[in-house]
Amino acid sequence: MNTRTEAESRRSRKVALASMIGTTVEWYDVIIYAQTAGLVLATLFFAPVAGDLGLLLTFGSVGVTFIFRPLGAILSSFFGDRIGRKPVMVATLLLMGIATTLIGLLPTHASIGVLAPIILVLLRILQGIAVGGEWGAAALLAVESAATRTRGRQGSFPQLGVPMGLLLASGVLALVAGVIAPGEAYLEWGWRIPFLFSIVLVAIGFWVRRSVDETPVFLDLAKKRRQTKVPLATLLKRYWLVVVLAGVLFAGNNASGQMLAGGFLASYATDSARAVPLLPAEVSLATLIGSVMWLVSTYVAGGLSDRFGRRPVFVIGYAALALAALPFFWLSELGSFALLTVGCVIFAVGLGISYGAIPAWYAELFPADVRYAGVSLSYTLGNVLGGALSPLIAVALVQSTGSITTVGLYLIVMCALSIVAAFLLRDRTRIDLSIDNAEEQRRGITVFDRNDSPARV
């Protein structure tokens, strides 16, 4: 191996680590809130204000971040396509970490009354803006820095941040709720520990991300002064249909992922009103084991998409996810830790397969001069369509029908819609992503385009 190849390999590994560690930290913050919401925050912040509606309001606060993610995507797309991917990636990480740490320091309703839930929601809004802007930077850092034939695998690293964040969050919650502050101690003060721990993770992520270089595609874009003045306006004028289809492509995965990582499972399985409720530590451990499978299948899916193309991998992933939806929920209501774990593992396989190749396919859909805006807005739209209301919809379905089966049927419908979107978007695996190939990048994006889709190389 020559010196240049060795240097490129080291840079690729460094970029992969930077893209993964940042998304891990940010999704740890998201998941800590979501899993704590049904267990603690409903009681300490919302129930004193809303009574029986406290749980619905709590999961509504989970959805607030999704509503404000588009704002984060809009702000970051302007700067990401004009000043670079790296500065946005560092700034969003800091914003997320500060907001999460402040939640850990926030007085409850018992101390400051109605101000407690109001401030909590404001901090959630900041988290939403941060997450909305962060993913696009991490995804493009990984994909635009990768060799053409390894984009899917390299692009899977920022995707590993979600199962890694879930793994870390579940482990910390299990440790705190089961060992450090079990029982009433967790409700009194133990729940703050996972939020405060975020500041340590942010420091590590900040150090790693500051050390990486800007992507070659953006450096070339800046050198030739070919940045678009208003990327979002150009994107919405020329590629609005691509954004919509790409958002729907991700919506099924996000709606399903929110069941595992968004707090609904933790709330439902530990509900004292159920015949055989599980302990919070048991649910956290089952989720932790499931997140290991999610992580593995996500990485495998990225590599498979390099070999077989993006669309086949997505369709197989969504089919597996739809088939697992009903068994997952049926197993979750039996009051058995072992069966819940089996359900989480089976469910996580489809989650990972339909998630790993998203950065690569998204990057291949948009021209270089609006790529950050396109990737960020598409991903955020998928979050809004799939995840913003999914925990709330799940709670409402169970409360109105008395059956967990309706939630599984809801996810099956979402997966079906994502499969339709996969067939309406062209599979552009291995298209040249450089700015010198802009003309080819602009055509053949959807099946509605009269031009031929770019040929694979």
Protein backbone atom coordinates (compact mmCIF):
# COMPACT_ATOMS: atom_id res chain seq x y z
CA MET A 1 0.00 0.00 0.00
CA ASN A 2 1.51 3.34 -1.00
CA THR A 3 1.76 6.39 1.24
CA ARG A 4 -1.14 8.21 -0.42
CA THR A 5 -3.45 5.20 -0.07
CA GLU A 6 -2.47 4.80 3.58
CA ALA A 7 -3.18 8.49 4.22
CA GLU A 8 -6.55 8.24 2.48
CA SER A 9 -7.45 5.17 4.54
CA ARG A 10 -6.54 6.94 7.78
CA ARG A 11 -8.59 9.96 6.73
CA SER A 12 -11.59 7.75 5.87
CA ARG A 13 -11.44 6.08 9.26
CA LYS A 14 -11.16 9.45 10.99
CA VAL A 15 -14.12 10.84 9.04
CA ALA A 16 -16.19 7.74 9.79
CA LEU A 17 -15.44 8.05 13.51
CA ALA A 18 -16.26 11.78 13.52
CA SER A 19 -19.56 11.32 11.71
CA MET A 20 -20.54 8.44 13.99
CA ILE A 21 -19.54 9.89 17.35
CA GLY A 22 -21.40 13.15 16.78
CA THR A 23 -24.65 11.47 15.76
CA THR A 24 -24.22 9.05 18.67
CA VAL A 25 -24.05 11.94 21.14
CA GLU A 26 -26.99 13.77 19.59
CA TRP A 27 -29.18 10.68 19.43
CA TYR A 28 -28.21 9.73 22.96
CA ASP A 29 -29.66 13.08 23.98
CA VAL A 30 -32.83 12.53 21.93
CA ILE A 31 -33.36 8.99 23.21
CA ILE A 32 -32.65 9.83 26.84
CA TYR A 33 -35.50 12.33 26.74
CA ALA A 34 -37.85 10.01 24.85
CA GLN A 35 -37.29 7.06 27.18
CA THR A 36 -37.43 9.20 30.31
CA ALA A 37 -40.61 10.97 29.14
CA GLY A 38 -43.07 8.18 29.87
CA LEU A 39 -41.22 6.95 32.96
CA VAL A 40 -40.59 10.22 34.82
CA LEU A 41 -41.21 13.50 33.03
CA ALA A 42 -44.95 12.94 32.68
CA THR A 43 -45.20 12.75 36.48
CA LEU A 44 -42.79 15.57 37.37
CA PHE A 45 -43.61 18.15 34.69
CA PHE A 46 -46.89 17.56 32.87
CA ALA A 47 -49.31 15.56 35.07
CA PRO A 48 -49.54 18.30 37.76
CA VAL A 49 -50.69 20.70 35.01
CA ALA A 50 -52.83 18.46 32.80
CA GLY A 51 -53.89 15.55 35.01
CA ASP A 52 -54.88 12.52 32.90
CA LEU A 53 -53.71 14.29 29.74
CA GLY A 54 -50.19 14.45 31.15
CA LEU A 55 -48.96 11.38 29.23
CA LEU A 56 -50.31 12.69 25.93
CA LEU A 57 -48.68 16.09 26.55
CA THR A 58 -45.43 14.38 27.45
CA PHE A 59 -45.28 12.50 24.16
CA GLY A 60 -46.36 15.72 22.48
CA SER A 61 -43.17 17.26 23.89
CA VAL A 62 -41.27 14.37 22.27
CA GLY A 63 -42.83 15.38 18.95
CA VAL A 64 -41.98 19.07 19.38
CA THR A 65 -38.41 18.46 18.28
CA PHE A 66 -39.62 16.98 15.01
CA ILE A 67 -41.72 20.05 14.30
CA PHE A 68 -38.69 22.33 14.71
CA ARG A 69 -36.25 20.12 12.84
CA PRO A 70 -37.20 21.77 9.53
CA LEU A 71 -36.04 25.11 10.95
CA GLY A 72 -32.71 23.52 11.86
CA ALA A 73 -32.47 22.01 8.38
CA ILE A 74 -33.23 25.35 6.73
CA LEU A 75 -30.64 27.25 8.77
CA SER A 76 -27.98 24.59 8.38
CA SER A 77 -28.59 24.12 4.65
CA PHE A 78 -27.85 27.80 4.04
CA PHE A 79 -24.56 27.63 5.89
CA GLY A 80 -23.70 24.03 4.96
CA ASP A 81 -23.86 24.72 1.21
CA ARG A 82 -22.05 28.06 1.57
CA ILE A 83 -19.43 27.85 4.36
CA GLY A 84 -19.04 24.09 4.68
CA ARG A 85 -20.24 20.89 6.33
CA LYS A 86 -17.76 20.88 9.22
CA PRO A 87 -18.65 24.20 10.95
CA VAL A 88 -22.34 23.30 10.99
CA MET A 89 -21.59 19.86 12.36
CA VAL A 90 -19.62 21.28 15.30
CA ALA A 91 -22.14 24.04 16.09
CA THR A 92 -25.17 21.71 16.16
CA LEU A 93 -23.37 19.28 18.45
CA LEU A 94 -22.70 22.03 20.99
CA LEU A 95 -26.28 23.32 20.85
CA MET A 96 -27.68 19.85 21.43
CA GLY A 97 -25.39 19.10 24.36
CA ILE A 98 -26.05 22.38 26.14
CA ALA A 99 -29.84 21.98 25.84
CA THR A 100 -29.71 18.42 27.17
CA THR A 101 -27.52 19.34 30.13
CA LEU A 102 -29.89 22.17 31.07
CA ILE A 103 -32.80 19.70 31.13
CA GLY A 104 -30.85 17.75 33.75
CA LEU A 105 -30.61 20.91 35.85
CA LEU A 106 -34.22 22.05 35.35
CA PRO A 107 -36.44 22.41 38.48
CA THR A 108 -39.68 20.41 38.35
CA HIS A 109 -43.30 21.59 38.60
CA ALA A 110 -43.13 21.14 42.38
CA SER A 111 -40.47 23.87 42.55
CA ILE A 112 -41.38 26.47 39.93
CA GLY A 113 -44.90 25.53 38.86
CA VAL A 114 -46.07 25.91 35.29
CA LEU A 115 -42.73 27.43 34.25
CA ALA A 116 -41.19 23.95 34.50
CA PRO A 117 -42.98 22.37 31.51
CA ILE A 118 -42.73 25.64 29.54
CA ILE A 119 -38.92 25.80 29.91
CA LEU A 120 -38.70 22.09 29.20
CA VAL A 121 -40.53 22.52 25.90
CA LEU A 122 -38.28 25.49 24.97
CA LEU A 123 -35.20 23.34 25.54
CA ARG A 124 -36.79 20.63 23.41
CA ILE A 125 -37.20 23.18 20.62
CA LEU A 126 -33.45 23.91 20.75
CA GLN A 127 -32.79 20.18 20.56
CA GLY A 128 -35.02 19.95 17.50
CA ILE A 129 -33.15 22.75 15.73
CA ALA A 130 -29.83 21.06 16.52
CA VAL A 131 -30.85 17.62 15.28
CA GLY A 132 -32.45 19.10 12.16
CA GLY A 133 -29.15 20.67 11.18
CA GLU A 134 -26.69 18.04 12.32
CA TRP A 135 -27.53 14.95 10.31
CA GLY A 136 -26.97 16.44 6.85
CA ALA A 137 -23.47 17.58 7.79
CA ALA A 138 -22.51 14.19 9.24
CA ALA A 139 -24.00 12.26 6.31
CA LEU A 140 -22.24 14.34 3.65
CA LEU A 141 -18.97 14.32 5.58
CA ALA A 142 -19.06 10.53 5.38
CA VAL A 143 -20.39 10.06 1.84
CA GLU A 144 -18.51 12.85 0.04
CA SER A 145 -15.24 11.72 1.62
CA ALA A 146 -15.72 8.08 0.59
CA ALA A 147 -14.54 6.20 -2.48
CA THR A 148 -17.31 5.69 -5.05
CA ARG A 149 -17.58 1.95 -4.44
CA THR A 150 -17.76 2.26 -0.65
CA ARG A 151 -20.25 5.14 -0.23
CA GLY A 152 -22.94 2.94 1.25
CA ARG A 153 -20.65 1.41 3.86
CA GLN A 154 -18.97 4.70 4.74
CA GLY A 155 -22.32 6.48 4.76
CA SER A 156 -23.69 3.96 7.25
CA PHE A 157 -21.42 5.32 10.00
CA PRO A 158 -23.53 8.39 10.85
CA GLN A 159 -26.52 6.01 10.81
CA LEU A 160 -24.81 3.91 13.45
CA GLY A 161 -25.22 6.90 15.74
CA VAL A 162 -28.89 6.10 16.30
CA PRO A 163 -28.48 2.48 17.49
CA MET A 164 -25.25 3.51 19.27
CA GLY A 165 -27.12 6.34 20.97
CA LEU A 166 -29.92 3.93 21.85
CA LEU A 167 -27.39 1.42 23.13
CA LEU A 168 -25.66 4.04 25.25
CA ALA A 169 -28.90 5.60 26.50
CA SER A 170 -30.44 2.23 27.39
CA GLY A 171 -27.26 1.18 29.18
CA VAL A 172 -27.05 4.40 31.19
CA LEU A 173 -30.76 4.26 32.07
CA ALA A 174 -30.52 0.59 33.11
CA LEU A 175 -27.48 1.38 35.27
CA VAL A 176 -29.06 4.42 36.90
CA ALA A 177 -32.56 2.95 37.40
CA GLY A 178 -31.33 -0.49 38.42
CA VAL A 179 -28.17 0.21 40.44
CA ILE A 180 -27.35 3.85 41.19
CA ALA A 181 -30.84 5.15 41.99
CA PRO A 182 -33.41 2.34 42.03
CA GLY A 183 -37.07 2.78 42.93
CA GLU A 184 -38.16 6.13 44.32
CA ALA A 185 -34.62 7.53 44.17
CA TYR A 186 -34.79 7.42 40.38
CA LEU A 187 -37.96 9.49 40.36
CA GLU A 188 -36.57 11.95 42.91
CA TRP A 189 -33.10 12.64 41.52
CA GLY A 190 -31.69 9.70 39.55
CA TRP A 191 -33.38 10.68 36.27
CA ARG A 192 -31.13 13.77 36.07
CA ILE A 193 -27.90 11.76 35.80
CA PRO A 194 -28.30 10.64 32.15
CA PHE A 195 -29.00 14.22 31.05
CA LEU A 196 -26.00 15.63 32.91
CA PHE A 197 -23.76 12.88 31.51
CA SER A 198 -24.37 14.40 28.08
CA ILE A 199 -21.82 17.17 28.72
CA VAL A 200 -19.02 14.56 28.90
CA LEU A 201 -20.10 13.01 25.60
CA VAL A 202 -20.33 16.41 23.91
CA ALA A 203 -16.77 17.27 24.97
CA ILE A 204 -15.52 14.05 23.35
CA GLY A 205 -17.55 14.63 20.19
CA PHE A 206 -16.39 18.24 19.92
CA TRP A 207 -12.75 17.20 20.17
CA VAL A 208 -13.12 14.51 17.47
CA ARG A 209 -15.12 16.64 15.03
CA ARG A 210 -12.81 19.63 15.22
CA SER A 211 -9.94 17.46 14.01
CA VAL A 212 -11.46 16.36 10.69
CA ASP A 213 -11.11 18.11 7.34
CA GLU A 214 -13.85 19.56 5.15
CA THR A 215 -15.21 17.26 2.41
CA PRO A 216 -13.37 17.28 -0.95
CA VAL A 217 -16.62 18.08 -2.80
CA PHE A 218 -17.25 21.25 -0.80
CA LEU A 219 -13.61 22.35 -0.98
CA ASP A 220 -13.82 22.08 -4.76
CA LEU A 221 -17.17 23.89 -4.73
CA ALA A 222 -15.69 26.78 -2.70
CA LYS A 223 -12.47 26.92 -4.71
CA LYS A 224 -14.40 27.33 -7.96
CA ARG A 225 -16.89 29.72 -6.32
CA ARG A 226 -19.89 27.70 -7.41
CA GLN A 227 -21.93 27.86 -4.21
CA THR A 228 -25.60 28.64 -4.71
CA LYS A 229 -26.60 31.97 -3.13
CA VAL A 230 -29.89 30.68 -1.73
CA PRO A 231 -29.68 26.86 -1.81
CA LEU A 232 -33.11 26.28 -0.29
CA ALA A 233 -34.90 28.42 -2.89
CA THR A 234 -33.17 26.57 -5.74
CA LEU A 235 -33.92 23.24 -4.13
CA LEU A 236 -37.64 23.88 -3.68
CA LYS A 237 -37.99 25.35 -7.17
CA ARG A 238 -36.30 22.52 -9.06
CA TYR A 239 -36.31 19.47 -6.80
CA TRP A 240 -39.38 19.72 -4.55
CA LEU A 241 -40.76 16.38 -5.76
CA VAL A 242 -37.45 14.67 -5.02
CA VAL A 243 -37.51 16.09 -1.49
CA VAL A 244 -41.07 14.84 -0.91
CA LEU A 245 -40.34 11.33 -2.21
CA ALA A 246 -37.06 11.12 -0.29
CA GLY A 247 -38.91 12.19 2.87
CA VAL A 248 -41.54 9.47 2.40
CA LEU A 249 -38.74 6.98 1.73
CA PHE A 250 -37.46 7.53 5.27
CA ALA A 251 -40.83 8.05 7.02
CA GLY A 252 -41.61 4.36 7.52
CA ASN A 253 -38.27 3.69 9.17
CA ASN A 254 -38.56 6.73 11.42
CA ALA A 255 -42.10 5.92 12.55
CA SER A 256 -40.99 2.39 13.40
CA GLY A 257 -37.77 3.48 15.10
CA GLN A 258 -39.71 5.81 17.37
CA MET A 259 -41.54 2.81 18.82
CA LEU A 260 -38.26 1.36 20.02
CA ALA A 261 -36.32 4.54 20.74
CA GLY A 262 -39.05 7.15 21.16
CA GLY A 263 -40.34 6.14 24.57
CA PHE A 264 -43.59 4.42 23.60
CA LEU A 265 -42.29 0.91 24.31
CA ALA A 266 -40.87 1.98 27.68
CA SER A 267 -44.17 3.59 28.67
CA TYR A 268 -46.42 0.78 27.42
CA ALA A 269 -44.45 -2.18 28.76
CA THR A 270 -44.04 -0.66 32.26
CA ASP A 271 -47.60 0.66 32.61
CA SER A 272 -48.82 -0.37 36.08
CA ALA A 273 -52.37 -0.65 34.73
CA ARG A 274 -51.35 -3.65 32.62
CA ALA A 275 -51.76 -7.20 33.93
CA VAL A 276 -48.02 -7.97 34.03
CA PRO A 277 -45.96 -4.77 33.80
CA LEU A 278 -42.20 -4.96 33.38
CA LEU A 279 -39.64 -3.01 35.37
CA PRO A 280 -38.04 0.04 33.70
CA ALA A 281 -34.61 -1.59 33.95
CA GLU A 282 -35.91 -4.70 32.14
CA VAL A 283 -37.31 -2.65 29.27
CA SER A 284 -34.06 -0.66 29.03
CA LEU A 285 -32.04 -3.88 28.89
CA ALA A 286 -34.29 -5.42 26.21
CA THR A 287 -34.00 -2.23 24.18
CA LEU A 288 -30.24 -2.26 24.65
CA ILE A 289 -29.99 -5.80 23.25
CA GLY A 290 -32.24 -4.86 20.34
CA SER A 291 -30.08 -1.83 19.59
CA VAL A 292 -27.05 -4.13 19.11
CA MET A 293 -28.91 -5.89 16.29
CA TRP A 294 -30.00 -2.52 14.90
CA LEU A 295 -26.36 -1.39 14.83
CA VAL A 296 -25.11 -4.56 13.12
CA SER A 297 -27.87 -4.65 10.49
CA THR A 298 -27.38 -0.93 9.74
CA TYR A 299 -23.69 -1.43 8.96
CA VAL A 300 -24.35 -4.58 6.92
CA ALA A 301 -27.05 -2.78 4.90
CA GLY A 302 -24.66 0.00 3.91
CA GLY A 303 -22.18 -2.51 2.50
CA LEU A 304 -24.88 -4.55 0.74
CA SER A 305 -26.18 -1.40 -0.97
CA ASP A 306 -22.75 -0.85 -2.51
CA ARG A 307 -22.93 -4.30 -4.05
CA PHE A 308 -26.60 -4.68 -4.99
CA GLY A 309 -27.82 -1.07 -5.22
CA ARG A 310 -29.76 1.14 -2.82
CA ARG A 311 -33.34 0.26 -3.80
CA PRO A 312 -33.22 -3.57 -3.39
CA VAL A 313 -31.77 -3.22 0.11
CA PHE A 314 -34.43 -0.70 1.12
CA VAL A 315 -37.30 -2.81 -0.19
CA ILE A 316 -36.04 -5.91 1.63
CA GLY A 317 -35.55 -3.90 4.82
CA TYR A 318 -39.04 -2.44 4.76
CA ALA A 319 -40.59 -5.83 3.98
CA ALA A 320 -38.79 -7.32 6.99
CA LEU A 321 -39.88 -4.40 9.16
CA ALA A 322 -43.54 -4.73 8.13
CA LEU A 323 -43.51 -8.48 8.82
CA ALA A 324 -42.01 -7.91 12.27
CA ALA A 325 -44.37 -5.10 13.35
CA LEU A 326 -47.27 -7.16 14.71
CA PRO A 327 -45.14 -9.88 16.43
CA PHE A 328 -43.06 -7.14 18.06
CA PHE A 329 -46.07 -5.55 19.74
CA TRP A 330 -47.73 -8.85 20.60
CA LEU A 331 -44.58 -9.99 22.40
CA SER A 332 -44.30 -6.66 24.22
CA GLU A 333 -47.60 -7.13 26.05
CA LEU A 334 -46.92 -10.59 27.49
CA GLY A 335 -45.01 -9.29 30.52
CA SER A 336 -41.94 -11.41 29.76
CA PHE A 337 -38.48 -9.89 29.59
CA ALA A 338 -37.18 -12.75 27.40
CA LEU A 339 -40.03 -12.44 24.87
CA LEU A 340 -39.75 -8.65 24.80
CA THR A 341 -36.04 -9.02 24.01
CA VAL A 342 -36.80 -11.43 21.17
CA GLY A 343 -39.32 -8.94 19.78
CA CYS A 344 -36.83 -6.08 19.95
CA VAL A 345 -34.15 -8.09 18.15
CA ILE A 346 -36.48 -9.20 15.33
CA PHE A 347 -37.84 -5.67 14.91
CA ALA A 348 -34.33 -4.18 14.86
CA VAL A 349 -33.25 -6.26 11.85
CA GLY A 350 -35.68 -4.49 9.52
CA LEU A 351 -34.91 -1.15 11.14
CA GLY A 352 -31.24 -1.43 10.32
CA ILE A 353 -31.62 -2.77 6.77
CA SER A 354 -33.99 0.08 5.85
CA TYR A 355 -31.71 2.67 7.49
CA GLY A 356 -28.06 2.03 6.68
CA ALA A 357 -27.97 3.25 3.07
CA ILE A 358 -30.00 6.46 3.48
CA PRO A 359 -26.98 8.85 3.43
CA ALA A 360 -25.60 7.33 0.23
CA TRP A 361 -28.92 7.30 -1.63
CA TYR A 362 -29.81 10.81 -0.46
CA ALA A 363 -26.43 12.22 -1.54
CA GLU A 364 -26.80 10.58 -4.95
CA LEU A 365 -30.21 12.22 -5.49
CA PHE A 366 -29.07 15.87 -5.40
CA PRO A 367 -26.55 18.02 -7.33
CA ALA A 368 -23.51 19.21 -5.39
CA ASP A 369 -24.54 22.88 -5.15
CA VAL A 370 -27.80 22.09 -3.29
CA ARG A 371 -26.85 18.71 -1.84
CA TYR A 372 -26.69 19.80 1.81
CA ALA A 373 -30.09 21.50 1.55
CA GLY A 374 -31.60 18.51 -0.27
CA VAL A 375 -30.24 15.89 2.09
CA SER A 376 -31.13 17.83 5.25
CA LEU A 377 -34.64 18.82 4.21
CA SER A 378 -35.48 15.33 2.92
CA TYR A 379 -34.30 13.68 6.12
CA THR A 380 -36.13 16.23 8.24
CA LEU A 381 -39.33 15.77 6.24
CA GLY A 382 -39.05 12.03 6.82
CA ASN A 383 -38.65 12.72 10.53
CA VAL A 384 -41.75 14.92 10.57
CA LEU A 385 -43.92 12.56 8.50
CA GLY A 386 -42.76 9.45 10.32
CA GLY A 387 -41.64 10.39 13.80
CA ALA A 388 -43.17 13.67 14.90
CA LEU A 389 -46.49 12.20 15.92
CA SER A 390 -45.86 8.45 15.90
CA PRO A 391 -45.57 8.01 19.71
CA LEU A 392 -48.62 10.24 20.14
CA ILE A 393 -50.52 8.30 17.47
CA ALA A 394 -49.53 5.03 19.14
CA VAL A 395 -50.80 6.21 22.55
CA ALA A 396 -54.04 7.50 20.99
CA LEU A 397 -54.61 4.22 19.10
CA VAL A 398 -54.14 2.12 22.21
CA GLN A 399 -56.34 4.38 24.33
CA SER A 400 -59.13 4.50 21.73
CA THR A 401 -59.13 0.84 20.66
CA GLY A 402 -57.65 -0.92 23.66
CA SER A 403 -55.46 -2.97 21.31
CA ILE A 404 -51.74 -2.77 20.58
CA THR A 405 -52.40 -4.46 17.22
CA THR A 406 -53.60 -1.15 15.76
CA VAL A 407 -50.15 0.34 16.29
CA GLY A 408 -48.58 -2.52 14.33
CA LEU A 409 -51.04 -1.97 11.47
CA TYR A 410 -50.15 1.73 11.47
CA LEU A 411 -46.47 0.88 11.01
CA ILE A 412 -47.25 -1.57 8.20
CA VAL A 413 -49.01 1.21 6.29
CA MET A 414 -46.04 3.54 6.82
CA CYS A 415 -43.62 0.89 5.53
CA ALA A 416 -45.79 0.33 2.44
CA LEU A 417 -45.70 4.04 1.62
CA SER A 418 -41.89 4.06 1.91
CA ILE A 419 -41.63 1.09 -0.48
CA VAL A 420 -43.72 3.00 -3.03
CA ALA A 421 -41.35 5.98 -2.71
CA ALA A 422 -38.37 3.65 -3.24
CA PHE A 423 -39.77 2.60 -6.61
CA LEU A 424 -40.48 6.20 -7.66
CA LEU A 425 -36.89 7.33 -7.04
CA ARG A 426 -34.08 6.26 -9.37
CA ASP A 427 -31.34 4.06 -7.98
CA ARG A 428 -28.23 6.14 -8.83
CA THR A 429 -25.61 4.00 -7.10
CA ARG A 430 -22.06 5.06 -8.07
CA ILE A 431 -22.99 8.27 -9.87
CA ASP A 432 -20.11 10.78 -9.83
CA LEU A 433 -20.82 13.26 -6.99
CA SER A 434 -18.24 15.91 -7.98
CA ILE A 435 -19.31 19.39 -9.06
CA ASP A 436 -17.92 18.72 -12.55
CA ASN A 437 -20.71 16.17 -13.04
CA ALA A 438 -23.52 18.58 -12.18
CA GLU A 439 -25.37 18.10 -15.47
CA GLU A 440 -25.71 14.35 -14.97
CA GLN A 441 -26.66 14.85 -11.34
CA ARG A 442 -29.61 17.06 -12.33
CA ARG A 443 -31.35 14.53 -14.57
CA GLY A 444 -32.99 11.15 -14.14
CA ILE A 445 -33.69 11.54 -10.44
CA THR A 446 -37.26 10.16 -10.40
CA VAL A 447 -39.18 7.79 -12.67
CA PHE A 448 -41.18 10.81 -13.82
CA ASP A 449 -38.07 12.34 -15.40
CA ARG A 450 -38.09 11.79 -19.16
CA ASN A 451 -34.31 11.64 -19.29
CA ASP A 452 -32.55 8.35 -18.74
CA SER A 453 -31.17 7.75 -15.28
CA PRO A 454 -27.38 7.93 -15.02
CA ALA A 455 -25.71 4.65 -15.79
CA ARG A 456 -23.79 2.83 -13.09
CA VAL A 457 -20.06 2.48 -13.46
